[in-house]
């Protein structure tokens, strides 16, 4: 196994992490932004108001995007396992 092969595996792994995590992170940030705008317009300064809607949005997005995320993880794992003979050489 040479340095280029290891860097390719690491680069692909980081790419998959970014692709898999981005929908849930973007939804969580969007809900947080909406709630903070609501808090700013209504002058409600309750710190715990953001937690429940964010948690609910993240759980719903995980339920919606979960099968897609697991499919990508399985695809990455299968590709990684198929590259084992190239490492042994």
Protein backbone atom coordinates (compact mmCIF):
# COMPACT_ATOMS: atom_id res chain seq x y z
CA UNK A 1 0.00 0.00 0.00
CA UNK A 2 1.48 3.29 -1.03
CA UNK A 3 0.84 6.80 0.19
CA UNK A 4 -1.39 7.72 -2.76
CA UNK A 5 -3.71 4.77 -2.16
CA UNK A 6 -4.04 5.62 1.54
CA UNK A 7 -4.76 9.26 0.74
CA UNK A 8 -7.41 8.20 -1.77
CA UNK A 9 -9.13 6.04 0.86
CA UNK A 10 -9.03 8.87 3.40
CA UNK A 11 -10.28 11.44 0.87
CA UNK A 12 -13.16 9.17 -0.15
CA UNK A 13 -14.05 8.54 3.50
CA UNK A 14 -14.13 12.25 4.33
CA UNK A 15 -16.21 12.91 1.21
CA UNK A 16 -18.76 10.28 2.26
CA UNK A 17 -18.91 11.72 5.79
CA UNK A 18 -19.64 15.18 4.40
CA UNK A 19 -22.28 13.89 1.98
CA UNK A 20 -24.01 11.74 4.60
CA UNK A 21 -24.03 14.35 7.38
CA UNK A 22 -24.97 17.39 5.29
CA UNK A 23 -28.78 16.89 5.00
CA UNK A 24 -29.28 16.50 8.73
CA UNK A 25 -26.91 19.35 9.58
CA UNK A 26 -28.54 21.69 7.07
CA UNK A 27 -32.02 20.91 8.36
CA UNK A 28 -30.88 21.45 11.96
CA UNK A 29 -29.28 24.76 11.04
CA UNK A 30 -32.36 25.85 9.09
CA UNK A 31 -34.69 25.10 11.99
CA UNK A 32 -32.33 26.90 14.36
CA UNK A 33 -32.27 29.94 12.08
CA UNK A 34 -36.07 30.03 11.82
CA UNK A 35 -36.45 29.75 15.59
CA UNK A 36 -33.85 32.45 16.25
CA UNK A 37 -35.62 34.79 13.81
CA UNK A 38 -38.89 34.04 15.62
CA UNK A 39 -37.22 34.76 18.96
CA UNK A 40 -35.77 38.02 17.69
CA UNK A 41 -39.09 39.27 16.31
CA UNK A 42 -41.10 38.35 19.40
CA UNK A 43 -38.41 39.33 21.94
CA UNK A 44 -38.60 35.89 23.57
CA UNK A 45 -35.17 35.16 25.03
CA UNK A 46 -35.73 31.63 26.29
CA UNK A 47 -32.58 29.58 25.63
CA UNK A 48 -34.26 26.18 25.83
CA UNK A 49 -36.88 27.02 23.19
CA UNK A 50 -34.61 25.92 20.36
CA UNK A 51 -33.85 22.42 21.61
CA UNK A 52 -37.16 20.62 21.13
CA UNK A 53 -37.84 21.76 17.54
CA UNK A 54 -34.23 21.09 16.52
CA UNK A 55 -34.30 17.61 18.01
CA UNK A 56 -37.65 16.87 16.35
CA UNK A 57 -36.39 18.16 12.98
CA UNK A 58 -33.19 16.13 13.20
CA UNK A 59 -35.08 12.96 14.15
CA UNK A 60 -37.58 13.43 11.31
CA UNK A 61 -34.81 14.12 8.83
CA UNK A 62 -32.94 11.04 10.06
CA UNK A 63 -36.08 8.98 9.51
CA UNK A 64 -36.45 10.43 6.01
CA UNK A 65 -32.78 10.33 4.95
CA UNK A 66 -31.79 7.26 7.00
CA UNK A 67 -32.21 4.62 4.29
CA UNK A 68 -30.25 6.74 1.81
CA UNK A 69 -27.51 7.33 4.37
CA UNK A 70 -27.20 3.64 5.19
CA UNK A 71 -27.15 2.76 1.49
CA UNK A 72 -24.20 5.11 0.99
CA UNK A 73 -22.40 3.67 4.02
CA UNK A 74 -22.92 0.13 2.76
CA UNK A 75 -21.68 1.12 -0.70
CA UNK A 76 -18.55 2.71 0.79
CA UNK A 77 -17.89 -0.33 2.99
CA UNK A 78 -18.28 -2.75 0.08
CA UNK A 79 -15.89 -0.65 -2.05
CA UNK A 80 -13.42 -0.56 0.82
CA UNK A 81 -13.60 -4.32 1.34
CA UNK A 82 -13.17 -4.91 -2.39
CA UNK A 83 -9.92 -2.91 -2.27
CA UNK A 84 -8.33 -5.19 0.36
CA UNK A 85 -6.60 -7.39 -2.25
CA UNK A 86 -4.93 -4.26 -3.66
CA UNK A 87 -3.52 -3.48 -0.20
CA UNK A 88 -2.06 -6.96 0.31
CA UNK A 89 -0.06 -6.87 -2.94
